[in-house]
Amino acid sequence: MNRALGTSLIGIGLAQVLKMATRPRGSDAWKWPDLTATGGMPSSHAAGVVSLAAYLGLKHGFSSDSFAVASLLGLIVMYDAMGIRHQAGLIASEVNGLEKTVVNLTKDDPAHQHPKRDKLLEERLGHLPVEVLCGALLGAVVGWASYAAEPPVSKLRALF
């Protein structure tokens, strides 16, 4: 497997596992579907793109084209996670609240009863800046560790 891709996937996987550990304890803690859930601490999106950029920067140099492309991709992904996806999660929360209010208001009037939806909208979509920062720090560590663990022979081959 391509080491850069593997590094990024490891960063994403570690962040997803850490999300399970940082969720509030309670009845819904440590559920397997959380391994693929969006939102939360740390951002797996940030961990994935920063681990890729860090590894490529260390491997090919921080002035290389591959580092530039990975860094730009990372900035776009992290901006989107904190901006648009975070706002979409806030809107979903408001819509879910309206759903509950409308059901309560119409429950006593059969002519205007509102059918309750079986499933509410997903509210954990985006990230707070601190979640993205923690994901980025995790990604930097994963990228460095992948580069540091690379056999010296492959590092020499990359120079020629």
Protein backbone atom coordinates (compact mmCIF):
# COMPACT_ATOMS: atom_id res chain seq x y z
CA MET A 1 0.00 0.00 0.00
CA ASN A 2 1.08 3.55 -0.62
CA ARG A 3 2.67 4.73 2.64
CA ALA A 4 1.25 8.26 2.38
CA LEU A 5 -2.27 6.89 1.97
CA GLY A 6 -1.73 4.39 4.79
CA THR A 7 -0.47 7.17 7.06
CA SER A 8 -3.58 9.23 6.38
CA LEU A 9 -5.89 6.26 7.02
CA ILE A 10 -4.12 5.53 10.31
CA GLY A 11 -4.62 9.17 11.34
CA ILE A 12 -8.33 8.93 10.54
CA GLY A 13 -8.67 5.60 12.35
CA LEU A 14 -6.91 6.81 15.50
CA ALA A 15 -9.08 9.91 15.63
CA GLN A 16 -12.25 7.83 15.28
CA VAL A 17 -11.15 5.53 18.12
CA LEU A 18 -10.30 8.54 20.29
CA LYS A 19 -13.77 9.96 19.62
CA MET A 20 -15.26 6.94 21.34
CA ALA A 21 -13.08 7.60 24.40
CA THR A 22 -13.94 11.32 24.55
CA ARG A 23 -17.72 10.92 24.27
CA PRO A 24 -19.68 11.56 27.44
CA ARG A 25 -20.17 8.47 29.54
CA GLY A 26 -23.71 7.18 29.63
CA SER A 27 -26.11 4.85 27.93
CA ASP A 28 -24.92 5.73 24.42
CA ALA A 29 -21.16 5.63 25.11
CA TRP A 30 -18.92 3.12 23.32
CA LYS A 31 -21.26 2.12 20.51
CA TRP A 32 -19.59 0.64 17.43
CA PRO A 33 -21.38 2.98 14.99
CA ASP A 34 -19.40 5.81 16.63
CA LEU A 35 -16.35 4.53 14.73
CA THR A 36 -17.85 5.99 11.56
CA ALA A 37 -19.68 8.98 13.08
CA THR A 38 -18.93 12.53 12.02
CA GLY A 39 -18.24 15.44 14.34
CA GLY A 40 -16.75 15.26 17.81
CA MET A 41 -13.30 15.36 19.37
CA PRO A 42 -10.82 15.05 17.69
CA SER A 43 -11.58 15.76 14.04
CA SER A 44 -10.69 12.73 11.95
CA HIS A 45 -10.83 14.90 8.84
CA ALA A 46 -8.10 17.14 10.23
CA ALA A 47 -6.09 14.15 11.45
CA GLY A 48 -6.23 12.53 8.02
CA VAL A 49 -5.20 15.54 5.96
CA VAL A 50 -2.55 16.81 8.35
CA SER A 51 -0.96 13.37 8.72
CA LEU A 52 -0.79 13.19 4.91
CA ALA A 53 0.73 16.68 4.60
CA ALA A 54 3.20 16.09 7.45
CA TYR A 55 4.38 12.79 6.01
CA LEU A 56 4.75 14.22 2.49
CA GLY A 57 6.55 17.30 3.82
CA LEU A 58 9.04 15.20 5.74
CA LYS A 59 9.50 12.72 2.89
CA HIS A 60 9.70 15.08 -0.10
CA GLY A 61 10.46 18.41 1.54
CA PHE A 62 8.22 21.23 2.67
CA SER A 63 8.77 23.06 -0.61
CA SER A 64 7.61 20.10 -2.73
CA ASP A 65 4.52 20.13 -4.92
CA SER A 66 3.05 17.13 -3.09
CA PHE A 67 3.26 18.95 0.26
CA ALA A 68 1.66 22.05 -1.27
CA VAL A 69 -1.26 20.06 -2.69
CA ALA A 70 -1.80 18.13 0.57
CA SER A 71 -1.64 21.35 2.61
CA LEU A 72 -4.16 23.15 0.41
CA LEU A 73 -6.47 20.12 0.56
CA GLY A 74 -6.08 20.12 4.34
CA LEU A 75 -6.96 23.79 4.69
CA ILE A 76 -10.10 23.34 2.59
CA VAL A 77 -11.21 20.23 4.51
CA MET A 78 -10.62 21.82 7.93
CA TYR A 79 -12.34 25.07 6.94
CA ASP A 80 -15.34 23.09 5.68
CA ALA A 81 -15.49 21.00 8.88
CA MET A 82 -15.57 24.11 11.09
CA GLY A 83 -17.78 26.17 8.81
CA ILE A 84 -20.41 24.65 6.58
CA ARG A 85 -20.68 21.23 8.25
CA HIS A 86 -20.77 22.78 11.73
CA GLN A 87 -23.55 25.16 10.67
CA ALA A 88 -25.49 22.29 9.07
CA GLY A 89 -25.35 20.46 12.41
CA LEU A 90 -26.70 23.51 14.24
CA ILE A 91 -29.56 23.77 11.73
CA ALA A 92 -30.33 20.05 12.18
CA SER A 93 -30.52 20.60 15.94
CA GLU A 94 -33.01 23.45 15.47
CA VAL A 95 -35.13 21.41 13.04
CA ASN A 96 -35.20 18.48 15.46
CA GLY A 97 -36.36 20.85 18.22
CA LEU A 98 -39.11 22.21 15.98
CA GLU A 99 -40.22 18.66 15.20
CA LYS A 100 -40.70 17.92 18.90
CA THR A 101 -42.54 21.22 19.46
CA VAL A 102 -44.95 20.67 16.57
CA VAL A 103 -45.72 17.11 17.72
CA ASN A 104 -46.48 18.39 21.24
CA LEU A 105 -48.65 21.26 19.96
CA THR A 106 -50.76 19.06 17.68
CA LYS A 107 -51.13 15.94 19.83
CA ASP A 108 -54.52 17.00 21.24
CA ASP A 109 -56.03 18.16 17.93
CA PRO A 110 -56.73 15.18 15.63
CA ALA A 111 -57.47 17.46 12.67
CA HIS A 112 -53.98 18.95 12.79
CA GLN A 113 -51.95 16.08 14.16
CA HIS A 114 -48.39 16.03 12.93
CA PRO A 115 -46.95 12.57 12.36
CA LYS A 116 -43.76 12.13 14.36
CA ARG A 117 -40.77 11.12 12.29
CA ASP A 118 -39.07 7.87 13.23
CA LYS A 119 -35.59 9.31 12.87
CA LEU A 120 -34.33 12.78 13.73
CA LEU A 121 -31.71 14.57 11.66
CA GLU A 122 -28.06 13.91 12.52
CA GLU A 123 -26.78 16.83 14.59
CA ARG A 124 -23.09 15.94 14.97
CA LEU A 125 -21.84 16.92 11.55
CA GLY A 126 -19.09 19.48 11.95
CA HIS A 127 -16.42 20.53 14.40
CA LEU A 128 -15.55 23.28 16.80
CA PRO A 129 -12.13 24.91 16.21
CA VAL A 130 -10.61 23.09 19.21
CA GLU A 131 -11.72 19.72 17.77
CA VAL A 132 -10.05 20.56 14.46
CA LEU A 133 -6.90 21.74 16.26
CA CYS A 134 -6.67 18.50 18.27
CA GLY A 135 -7.21 16.47 15.10
CA ALA A 136 -4.48 18.45 13.34
CA LEU A 137 -2.04 17.89 16.23
CA LEU A 138 -2.83 14.16 16.19
CA GLY A 139 -2.30 14.15 12.42
CA ALA A 140 1.09 15.87 12.73
CA VAL A 141 2.22 13.24 15.25
CA VAL A 142 0.98 10.38 13.06
CA GLY A 143 2.71 11.84 9.97
CA TRP A 144 5.98 12.26 11.85
CA ALA A 145 5.74 8.76 13.37
CA SER A 146 5.11 7.20 9.96
CA TYR A 147 8.09 8.98 8.47
CA ALA A 148 10.31 8.13 11.46
CA ALA A 149 9.29 4.46 11.29
CA GLU A 150 10.05 4.20 7.59
CA PRO A 151 13.01 1.93 6.83
CA PRO A 152 16.19 3.91 6.05
CA VAL A 153 16.56 2.14 2.68
CA SER A 154 13.32 3.66 1.34
CA LYS A 155 14.43 7.11 2.56
CA LEU A 156 17.66 6.75 0.56
CA ARG A 157 15.76 5.51 -2.51
CA ALA A 158 13.58 8.64 -2.40
CA LEU A 159 16.71 10.80 -2.79
CA PHE A 160 17.76 9.16 -6.08
